[in-house]
PDB file of N, CA and C in Angstrom:
ATOM      1  N   MET A   1     -24.943  91.244-100.611  1.00  0.00           N
ATOM      2  CA  MET A   1     -25.307  90.529-100.205  1.00  0.00           C
ATOM      3  C   MET A   1     -24.582  90.468 -99.635  1.00  0.00           C
ATOM      4  N   ILE A   2     -22.731  90.634 -99.373  1.00  0.00           N
ATOM      5  CA  ILE A   2     -22.034  90.401 -98.505  1.00  0.00           C
ATOM      6  C   ILE A   2     -22.355  91.332 -97.243  1.00  0.00           C
ATOM      7  N   LEU A   3     -22.194  92.994 -98.066  1.00  0.00           N
ATOM      8  CA  LEU A   3     -23.284  93.890 -96.987  1.00  0.00           C
ATOM      9  C   LEU A   3     -23.633  93.464 -96.298  1.00  0.00           C
ATOM     10  N   TRP A   4     -24.730  93.358 -97.317  1.00  0.00           N
ATOM     11  CA  TRP A   4     -25.766  93.158 -96.627  1.00  0.00           C
ATOM     12  C   TRP A   4     -25.574  92.374 -95.178  1.00  0.00           C
ATOM     13  N   LEU A   5     -25.194  91.293 -95.263  1.00  0.00           N
ATOM     14  CA  LEU A   5     -25.224  90.335 -94.204  1.00  0.00           C
ATOM     15  C   LEU A   5     -23.803  90.834 -93.014  1.00  0.00           C
ATOM     16  N   LEU A   6     -23.512  91.616 -93.413  1.00  0.00           N
ATOM     17  CA  LEU A   6     -22.110  92.374 -92.545  1.00  0.00           C
ATOM     18  C   LEU A   6     -22.773  93.001 -90.888  1.00  0.00           C
ATOM     19  N   VAL A   7     -23.298  94.208 -92.232  1.00  0.00           N
ATOM     20  CA  VAL A   7     -24.054  95.841 -92.143  1.00  0.00           C
ATOM     21  C   VAL A   7     -25.606  94.856 -90.513  1.00  0.00           C
ATOM     22  N   ALA A   8     -25.779  93.237 -91.058  1.00  0.00           N
ATOM     23  CA  ALA A   8     -26.601  92.610 -90.446  1.00  0.00           C
ATOM     24  C   ALA A   8     -25.892  92.097 -88.983  1.00  0.00           C
ATOM     25  N   GLY A   9     -24.648  91.848 -89.179  1.00  0.00           N
ATOM     26  CA  GLY A   9     -24.004  91.522 -87.837  1.00  0.00           C
ATOM     27  C   GLY A   9     -23.934  91.913 -86.932  1.00  0.00           C
ATOM     28  N   VAL A  10     -23.509  92.939 -87.574  1.00  0.00           N
ATOM     29  CA  VAL A  10     -23.310  94.076 -86.781  1.00  0.00           C
ATOM     30  C   VAL A  10     -24.075  94.852 -85.412  1.00  0.00           C
ATOM     31  N   PHE A  11     -24.861  95.466 -86.748  1.00  0.00           N
ATOM     32  CA  PHE A  11     -26.719  95.247 -85.809  1.00  0.00           C
ATOM     33  C   PHE A  11     -26.883  93.942 -85.136  1.00  0.00           C
ATOM     34  N   LEU A  12     -27.021  92.656 -85.095  1.00  0.00           N
ATOM     35  CA  LEU A  12     -27.407  91.548 -84.546  1.00  0.00           C
ATOM     36  C   LEU A  12     -26.072  91.840 -82.655  1.00  0.00           C
ATOM     37  N   TYR A  13     -25.015  92.104 -83.505  1.00  0.00           N
ATOM     38  CA  TYR A  13     -23.997  92.104 -81.981  1.00  0.00           C
ATOM     39  C   TYR A  13     -24.142  92.771 -81.317  1.00  0.00           C
ATOM     40  N   ALA A  14     -24.710  94.371 -81.818  1.00  0.00           N
ATOM     41  CA  ALA A  14     -24.337  96.016 -81.339  1.00  0.00           C
ATOM     42  C   ALA A  14     -25.993  95.382 -79.873  1.00  0.00           C
ATOM     43  N   ASP A  15     -26.803  95.143 -80.274  1.00  0.00           N
ATOM     44  CA  ASP A  15     -28.237  94.664 -80.019  1.00  0.00           C
ATOM     45  C   ASP A  15     -27.868  94.076 -78.819  1.00  0.00           C
ATOM     46  N   HIS A  16     -27.252  92.261 -78.945  1.00  0.00           N
ATOM     47  CA  HIS A  16     -27.033  91.628 -77.888  1.00  0.00           C
ATOM     48  C   HIS A  16     -25.249  92.267 -76.819  1.00  0.00           C
ATOM     49  N   THR A  17     -24.670  92.672 -77.689  1.00  0.00           N
ATOM     50  CA  THR A  17     -23.720  93.216 -77.088  1.00  0.00           C
ATOM     51  C   THR A  17     -24.416  94.453 -75.376  1.00  0.00           C
ATOM     52  N   PHE A  18     -25.413  95.568 -76.191  1.00  0.00           N
ATOM     53  CA  PHE A  18     -25.953  96.399 -74.664  1.00  0.00           C
ATOM     54  C   PHE A  18     -27.323  95.852 -75.067  1.00  0.00           C
ATOM     55  N   GLN A  19     -27.765  94.868 -74.414  1.00  0.00           N
ATOM     56  CA  GLN A  19     -28.921  94.367 -73.827  1.00  0.00           C
ATOM     57  C   GLN A  19     -28.440  94.645 -72.290  1.00  0.00           C
ATOM     58  N   THR A  20     -29.639  94.655 -71.982  1.00  0.00           N
ATOM     59  CA  THR A  20     -29.470  94.600 -70.738  1.00  0.00           C
ATOM     60  C   THR A  20     -30.959  93.623 -70.017  1.00  0.00           C
ATOM     61  N   ASN A  21     -30.189  93.492 -68.800  1.00  0.00           N
ATOM     62  CA  ASN A  21     -30.677  91.706 -68.125  1.00  0.00           C
ATOM     63  C   ASN A  21     -31.780  92.323 -67.479  1.00  0.00           C
ATOM     64  N   THR A  22     -33.471  92.191 -67.076  1.00  0.00           N
ATOM     65  CA  THR A  22     -33.718  92.834 -66.036  1.00  0.00           C
ATOM     66  C   THR A  22     -33.749  91.555 -64.755  1.00  0.00           C
ATOM     67  N   GLY A  23     -34.068  91.892 -63.743  1.00  0.00           N
ATOM     68  CA  GLY A  23     -33.825  90.814 -62.898  1.00  0.00           C
ATOM     69  C   GLY A  23     -35.509  91.054 -62.104  1.00  0.00           C
ATOM     70  N   PRO A  24     -35.865  89.627 -61.601  1.00  0.00           N
ATOM     71  CA  PRO A  24     -37.285  90.012 -60.427  1.00  0.00           C
ATOM     72  C   PRO A  24     -38.014  91.116 -60.114  1.00  0.00           C
ATOM     73  N   HIS A  25     -36.901  91.639 -59.875  1.00  0.00           N
ATOM     74  CA  HIS A  25     -36.615  92.811 -58.589  1.00  0.00           C
ATOM     75  C   HIS A  25     -36.961  94.008 -58.946  1.00  0.00           C
ATOM     76  N   GLY A  26     -36.591  94.132 -60.922  1.00  0.00           N
ATOM     77  CA  GLY A  26     -36.324  95.297 -61.074  1.00  0.00           C
ATOM     78  C   GLY A  26     -34.858  95.992 -62.024  1.00  0.00           C
ATOM     79  N   GLY A  27     -34.498  94.854 -61.320  1.00  0.00           N
ATOM     80  CA  GLY A  27     -32.316  95.569 -61.151  1.00  0.00           C
ATOM     81  C   GLY A  27     -32.276  94.909 -62.267  1.00  0.00           C
ATOM     82  N   HIS A  28     -30.336  94.847 -62.221  1.00  0.00           N
ATOM     83  CA  HIS A  28     -30.258  94.974 -63.350  1.00  0.00           C
ATOM     84  C   HIS A  28     -29.462  93.647 -63.083  1.00  0.00           C
ATOM     85  N   TYR A  29     -29.290  92.894 -63.671  1.00  0.00           N
ATOM     86  CA  TYR A  29     -27.972  90.900 -63.078  1.00  0.00           C
ATOM     87  C   TYR A  29     -27.304  91.195 -63.760  1.00  0.00           C
ATOM     88  N   LYS A  30     -26.493  90.429 -63.415  1.00  0.00           N
ATOM     89  CA  LYS A  30     -24.854  89.539 -63.989  1.00  0.00           C
ATOM     90  C   LYS A  30     -24.721  88.065 -63.717  1.00  0.00           C
ATOM     91  N   GLU A  31     -24.342  87.024 -64.611  1.00  0.00           N
ATOM     92  CA  GLU A  31     -24.285  85.692 -64.644  1.00  0.00           C
ATOM     93  C   GLU A  31     -22.891  85.611 -63.806  1.00  0.00           C
ATOM     94  N   ASP A  32     -22.569  85.033 -62.454  1.00  0.00           N
ATOM     95  CA  ASP A  32     -22.075  84.678 -61.233  1.00  0.00           C
ATOM     96  C   ASP A  32     -21.860  82.664 -61.190  1.00  0.00           C
ATOM     97  N   LYS A  33     -21.714  81.903 -62.391  1.00  0.00           N
ATOM     98  CA  LYS A  33     -21.716  80.746 -62.102  1.00  0.00           C
ATOM     99  C   LYS A  33     -21.788  80.155 -60.594  1.00  0.00           C
ATOM    100  N   PRO A  34     -22.472  79.334 -60.227  1.00  0.00           N
ATOM    101  CA  PRO A  34     -23.389  78.952 -61.451  1.00  0.00           C
ATOM    102  C   PRO A  34     -25.014  80.123 -60.732  1.00  0.00           C
ATOM    103  N   TYR A  35     -24.921  81.449 -59.539  1.00  0.00           N
ATOM    104  CA  TYR A  35     -25.511  82.373 -59.994  1.00  0.00           C
ATOM    105  C   TYR A  35     -26.124  83.153 -60.954  1.00  0.00           C
ATOM    106  N   TYR A  36     -26.898  84.067 -60.019  1.00  0.00           N
ATOM    107  CA  TYR A  36     -26.835  85.705 -61.409  1.00  0.00           C
ATOM    108  C   TYR A  36     -27.212  86.349 -59.725  1.00  0.00           C
ATOM    109  N   ILE A  37     -26.688  87.801 -59.649  1.00  0.00           N
ATOM    110  CA  ILE A  37     -26.463  88.252 -58.833  1.00  0.00           C
ATOM    111  C   ILE A  37     -27.391  89.817 -59.759  1.00  0.00           C
ATOM    112  N   GLU A  38     -28.166  90.114 -58.602  1.00  0.00           N
ATOM    113  CA  GLU A  38     -29.521  91.364 -59.084  1.00  0.00           C
ATOM    114  C   GLU A  38     -28.597  92.402 -58.157  1.00  0.00           C
ATOM    115  N   LEU A  39     -28.478  93.679 -59.258  1.00  0.00           N
ATOM    116  CA  LEU A  39     -28.401  95.192 -57.593  1.00  0.00           C
ATOM    117  C   LEU A  39     -29.611  95.720 -58.780  1.00  0.00           C
ATOM    118  N   ARG A  40     -30.018  96.499 -57.974  1.00  0.00           N
ATOM    119  CA  ARG A  40     -30.566  97.666 -58.557  1.00  0.00           C
ATOM    120  C   ARG A  40     -31.020  98.868 -57.411  1.00  0.00           C
ATOM    121  N   LYS A  41     -31.202 100.277 -58.003  1.00  0.00           N
ATOM    122  CA  LYS A  41     -30.386 100.933 -56.887  1.00  0.00           C
ATOM    123  C   LYS A  41     -31.816 102.198 -57.008  1.00  0.00           C
ATOM    124  N   GLU A  42     -32.098 102.463 -56.028  1.00  0.00           N
ATOM    125  CA  GLU A  42     -33.094 103.566 -55.785  1.00  0.00           C
ATOM    126  C   GLU A  42     -33.261 104.166 -54.595  1.00  0.00           C
ATOM    127  N   ASN A  43     -32.925 105.326 -55.112  1.00  0.00           N
ATOM    128  CA  ASN A  43     -32.638 107.619 -54.323  1.00  0.00           C
ATOM    129  C   ASN A  43     -31.602 106.542 -53.585  1.00  0.00           C
ATOM    130  N   GLN A  44     -30.991 106.764 -52.367  1.00  0.00           N
ATOM    131  CA  GLN A  44     -29.893 106.126 -53.056  1.00  0.00           C
ATOM    132  C   GLN A  44     -29.316 105.717 -51.759  1.00  0.00           C
ATOM    133  N   THR A  45     -29.798 104.291 -52.470  1.00  0.00           N
ATOM    134  CA  THR A  45     -29.606 102.584 -51.464  1.00  0.00           C
ATOM    135  C   THR A  45     -30.048 101.704 -52.782  1.00  0.00           C
ATOM    136  N   LEU A  46     -28.427 100.839 -52.561  1.00  0.00           N
ATOM    137  CA  LEU A  46     -29.121  99.811 -53.149  1.00  0.00           C
ATOM    138  C   LEU A  46     -28.836  98.424 -53.482  1.00  0.00           C
ATOM    139  N   TYR A  47     -30.035  97.967 -53.219  1.00  0.00           N
ATOM    140  CA  TYR A  47     -30.472  96.754 -53.004  1.00  0.00           C
ATOM    141  C   TYR A  47     -28.997  95.577 -54.075  1.00  0.00           C
ATOM    142  N   SER A  48     -29.094  94.722 -53.228  1.00  0.00           N
ATOM    143  CA  SER A  48     -28.759  93.184 -54.207  1.00  0.00           C
ATOM    144  C   SER A  48     -29.385  91.983 -53.492  1.00  0.00           C
ATOM    145  N   TYR A  49     -29.125  90.864 -54.512  1.00  0.00           N
ATOM    146  CA  TYR A  49     -30.377  89.228 -54.975  1.00  0.00           C
ATOM    147  C   TYR A  49     -29.593  88.595 -55.164  1.00  0.00           C
ATOM    148  N   LEU A  50     -29.473  87.099 -53.885  1.00  0.00           N
ATOM    149  CA  LEU A  50     -28.945  85.960 -55.265  1.00  0.00           C
ATOM    150  C   LEU A  50     -30.080  85.594 -55.285  1.00  0.00           C
ATOM    151  N   LEU A  51     -29.736  84.846 -57.019  1.00  0.00           N
ATOM    152  CA  LEU A  51     -30.331  84.670 -57.879  1.00  0.00           C
ATOM    153  C   LEU A  51     -29.825  83.110 -58.357  1.00  0.00           C
ATOM    154  N   ASP A  52     -31.136  82.077 -58.238  1.00  0.00           N
ATOM    155  CA  ASP A  52     -30.146  81.229 -58.608  1.00  0.00           C
ATOM    156  C   ASP A  52     -30.060  80.625 -60.290  1.00  0.00           C
ATOM    157  N   ALA A  53     -30.018  79.337 -61.048  1.00  0.00           N
ATOM    158  CA  ALA A  53     -29.550  79.420 -61.664  1.00  0.00           C
ATOM    159  C   ALA A  53     -31.134  80.008 -62.671  1.00  0.00           C
ATOM    160  N   ASP A  54     -32.006  78.970 -62.702  1.00  0.00           N
ATOM    161  CA  ASP A  54     -33.070  79.976 -62.895  1.00  0.00           C
ATOM    162  C   ASP A  54     -33.479  81.002 -62.713  1.00  0.00           C
ATOM    163  N   LYS A  55     -32.653  82.202 -62.396  1.00  0.00           N
ATOM    164  CA  LYS A  55     -32.734  83.650 -62.461  1.00  0.00           C
ATOM    165  C   LYS A  55     -34.221  84.062 -60.939  1.00  0.00           C
ATOM    166  N   LYS A  56     -33.918  82.794 -60.691  1.00  0.00           N
ATOM    167  CA  LYS A  56     -35.592  82.833 -59.196  1.00  0.00           C
ATOM    168  C   LYS A  56     -34.104  83.432 -57.849  1.00  0.00           C
ATOM    169  N   PRO A  57     -34.813  84.087 -57.292  1.00  0.00           N
ATOM    170  CA  PRO A  57     -34.195  84.835 -55.682  1.00  0.00           C
ATOM    171  C   PRO A  57     -34.431  83.734 -54.948  1.00  0.00           C
ATOM    172  N   ILE A  58     -33.437  83.560 -53.820  1.00  0.00           N
ATOM    173  CA  ILE A  58     -33.088  82.643 -53.229  1.00  0.00           C
ATOM    174  C   ILE A  58     -33.141  83.415 -51.719  1.00  0.00           C
ATOM    175  N   GLN A  59     -33.043  83.078 -51.046  1.00  0.00           N
ATOM    176  CA  GLN A  59     -33.308  83.260 -49.464  1.00  0.00           C
ATOM    177  C   GLN A  59     -32.652  83.737 -49.287  1.00  0.00           C
ATOM    178  N   ASN A  60     -32.907  84.082 -48.214  1.00  0.00           N
ATOM    179  CA  ASN A  60     -30.923  85.595 -47.884  1.00  0.00           C
ATOM    180  C   ASN A  60     -30.983  84.585 -46.289  1.00  0.00           C
ATOM    181  N   THR A  61     -31.910  83.282 -45.561  1.00  0.00           N
ATOM    182  CA  THR A  61     -32.055  83.092 -44.890  1.00  0.00           C
ATOM    183  C   THR A  61     -30.521  82.074 -44.716  1.00  0.00           C
ATOM    184  N   GLY A  62     -29.243  82.977 -43.056  1.00  0.00           N
ATOM    185  CA  GLY A  62     -28.222  82.430 -43.025  1.00  0.00           C
ATOM    186  C   GLY A  62     -27.030  82.720 -44.031  1.00  0.00           C
ATOM    187  N   ILE A  63     -27.405  83.931 -45.117  1.00  0.00           N
ATOM    188  CA  ILE A  63     -26.346  84.303 -45.568  1.00  0.00           C
ATOM    189  C   ILE A  63     -26.177  85.397 -45.743  1.00  0.00           C
ATOM    190  N   HIS A  64     -24.734  85.472 -45.614  1.00  0.00           N
ATOM    191  CA  HIS A  64     -23.326  87.124 -45.451  1.00  0.00           C
ATOM    192  C   HIS A  64     -23.546  87.673 -47.116  1.00  0.00           C
ATOM    193  N   CYS A  65     -23.294  88.893 -47.071  1.00  0.00           N
ATOM    194  CA  CYS A  65     -23.452  89.208 -47.875  1.00  0.00           C
ATOM    195  C   CYS A  65     -22.531  90.535 -47.722  1.00  0.00           C
ATOM    196  N   ASP A  66     -20.866  89.910 -48.519  1.00  0.00           N
ATOM    197  CA  ASP A  66     -20.121  92.011 -49.003  1.00  0.00           C
ATOM    198  C   ASP A  66     -19.936  91.904 -50.340  1.00  0.00           C
ATOM    199  N   GLY A  67     -19.518  93.065 -50.322  1.00  0.00           N
ATOM    200  CA  GLY A  67     -19.194  93.810 -51.811  1.00  0.00           C
ATOM    201  C   GLY A  67     -18.640  95.143 -51.456  1.00  0.00           C
ATOM    202  N   ARG A  68     -17.633  94.878 -52.959  1.00  0.00           N
ATOM    203  CA  ARG A  68     -16.945  96.432 -53.024  1.00  0.00           C
ATOM    204  C   ARG A  68     -17.259  96.606 -53.857  1.00  0.00           C
ATOM    205  N   LEU A  69     -16.788  97.501 -53.977  1.00  0.00           N
ATOM    206  CA  LEU A  69     -17.633  98.813 -54.220  1.00  0.00           C
ATOM    207  C   LEU A  69     -16.325  99.703 -55.377  1.00  0.00           C
ATOM    208  N   SER A  70     -15.523  99.853 -56.884  1.00  0.00           N
ATOM    209  CA  SER A  70     -15.097 100.326 -57.094  1.00  0.00           C
ATOM    210  C   SER A  70     -15.226 101.411 -58.040  1.00  0.00           C
ATOM    211  N   TYR A  71     -14.846 102.859 -57.859  1.00  0.00           N
ATOM    212  CA  TYR A  71     -15.385 104.029 -58.664  1.00  0.00           C
ATOM    213  C   TYR A  71     -14.448 104.710 -60.005  1.00  0.00           C
ATOM    214  N   GLY A  72     -14.953 105.175 -59.906  1.00  0.00           N
ATOM    215  CA  GLY A  72     -14.026 106.232 -60.965  1.00  0.00           C
ATOM    216  C   GLY A  72     -12.660 107.098 -60.957  1.00  0.00           C
ATOM    217  N   ASP A  73     -12.405 107.190 -60.070  1.00  0.00           N
ATOM    218  CA  ASP A  73     -11.474 107.652 -59.042  1.00  0.00           C
ATOM    219  C   ASP A  73     -10.237 105.986 -58.955  1.00  0.00           C
ATOM    220  N   GLY A  74     -10.320 105.122 -58.804  1.00  0.00           N
ATOM    221  CA  GLY A  74      -9.697 104.380 -58.582  1.00  0.00           C
ATOM    222  C   GLY A  74      -9.283 103.268 -57.117  1.00  0.00           C
ATOM    223  N   SER A  75     -10.427 103.863 -56.524  1.00  0.00           N
ATOM    224  CA  SER A  75     -10.666 104.238 -54.953  1.00  0.00           C
ATOM    225  C   SER A  75     -11.791 103.122 -54.915  1.00  0.00           C
ATOM    226  N   ILE A  76     -11.521 102.535 -54.162  1.00  0.00           N
ATOM    227  CA  ILE A  76     -12.675 101.157 -53.285  1.00  0.00           C
ATOM    228  C   ILE A  76     -13.412 100.849 -52.643  1.00  0.00           C
ATOM    229  N   GLN A  77     -13.934 100.469 -51.886  1.00  0.00           N
ATOM    230  CA  GLN A  77     -14.904 100.664 -50.963  1.00  0.00           C
ATOM    231  C   GLN A  77     -15.301  99.634 -49.973  1.00  0.00           C
ATOM    232  N   ASN A  78     -15.211  98.482 -49.348  1.00  0.00           N
ATOM    233  CA  ASN A  78     -15.919  97.755 -48.986  1.00  0.00           C
ATOM    234  C   ASN A  78     -17.120  97.663 -48.345  1.00  0.00           C
ATOM    235  N   ILE A  79     -17.865  97.555 -47.964  1.00  0.00           N
ATOM    236  CA  ILE A  79     -19.202  97.042 -47.064  1.00  0.00           C
ATOM    237  C   ILE A  79     -20.166  95.528 -47.225  1.00  0.00           C
ATOM    238  N   LYS A  80     -20.602  95.572 -46.405  1.00  0.00           N
ATOM    239  CA  LYS A  80     -20.820  94.831 -45.555  1.00  0.00           C
ATOM    240  C   LYS A  80     -22.934  95.089 -45.860  1.00  0.00           C
ATOM    241  N   PHE A  81     -23.845  94.152 -46.604  1.00  0.00           N
ATOM    242  CA  PHE A  81     -25.416  94.225 -46.908  1.00  0.00           C
ATOM    243  C   PHE A  81     -26.010  93.535 -45.232  1.00  0.00           C
ATOM    244  N   ILE A  82     -27.074  93.761 -45.396  1.00  0.00           N
ATOM    245  CA  ILE A  82     -27.502  93.487 -44.527  1.00  0.00           C
ATOM    246  C   ILE A  82     -28.803  92.934 -45.403  1.00  0.00           C
ATOM    247  N   PRO A  83     -29.556  91.786 -44.172  1.00  0.00           N
ATOM    248  CA  PRO A  83     -30.369  91.372 -44.698  1.00  0.00           C
ATOM    249  C   PRO A  83     -31.747  92.645 -44.918  1.00  0.00           C
ATOM    250  N   TYR A  84     -32.699  91.803 -46.598  1.00  0.00           N
ATOM    251  CA  TYR A  84     -33.508  93.072 -46.405  1.00  0.00           C
ATOM    252  C   TYR A  84     -34.414  92.313 -46.723  1.00  0.00           C
ATOM    253  N   LYS A  85     -35.637  91.899 -46.314  1.00  0.00           N
ATOM    254  CA  LYS A  85     -36.843  91.353 -46.664  1.00  0.00           C
ATOM    255  C   LYS A  85     -35.943  90.157 -46.831  1.00  0.00           C
ATOM    256  N   GLU A  86     -37.806  88.939 -47.255  1.00  0.00           N
ATOM    257  CA  GLU A  86     -35.835  87.704 -47.224  1.00  0.00           C
ATOM    258  C   GLU A  86     -35.590  87.413 -47.884  1.00  0.00           C
ATOM    259  N   ASP A  87     -35.621  88.155 -49.593  1.00  0.00           N
ATOM    260  CA  ASP A  87     -34.329  87.511 -50.211  1.00  0.00           C
ATOM    261  C   ASP A  87     -33.438  88.146 -50.681  1.00  0.00           C
ATOM    262  N   GLY A  88     -33.609  89.641 -49.822  1.00  0.00           N
ATOM    263  CA  GLY A  88     -32.108  90.784 -50.267  1.00  0.00           C
ATOM    264  C   GLY A  88     -31.481  91.784 -49.526  1.00  0.00           C
ATOM    265  N   PHE A  89     -30.325  92.042 -49.851  1.00  0.00           N
ATOM    266  CA  PHE A  89     -29.536  92.654 -48.857  1.00  0.00           C
ATOM    267  C   PHE A  89     -29.334  94.261 -49.904  1.00  0.00           C
ATOM    268  N   ILE A  90     -29.424  95.061 -47.799  1.00  0.00           N
ATOM    269  CA  ILE A  90     -28.906  96.535 -48.893  1.00  0.00           C
ATOM    270  C   ILE A  90     -27.998  96.679 -48.531  1.00  0.00           C
TER     271      ILE A  90
END
């Protein structure tokens, strides 16, 4: 019985750990309290969206979006996103 609980616990933990969160634009999001940031890559374009605490898109009017990309070789690239439609940045 103890072994079964241990195995069940490992599977539940693994399922939660590797779970992906899909945002309203089809991208993956991460929490950055009190907001969420959703990223979606399509072809060679990276889209970003700011979501509220309820994971609903926030309009981009009056918002500036700067990003920093870290690469596997240790290099870093600072980028400025430009507004895209009413709630995104590219």
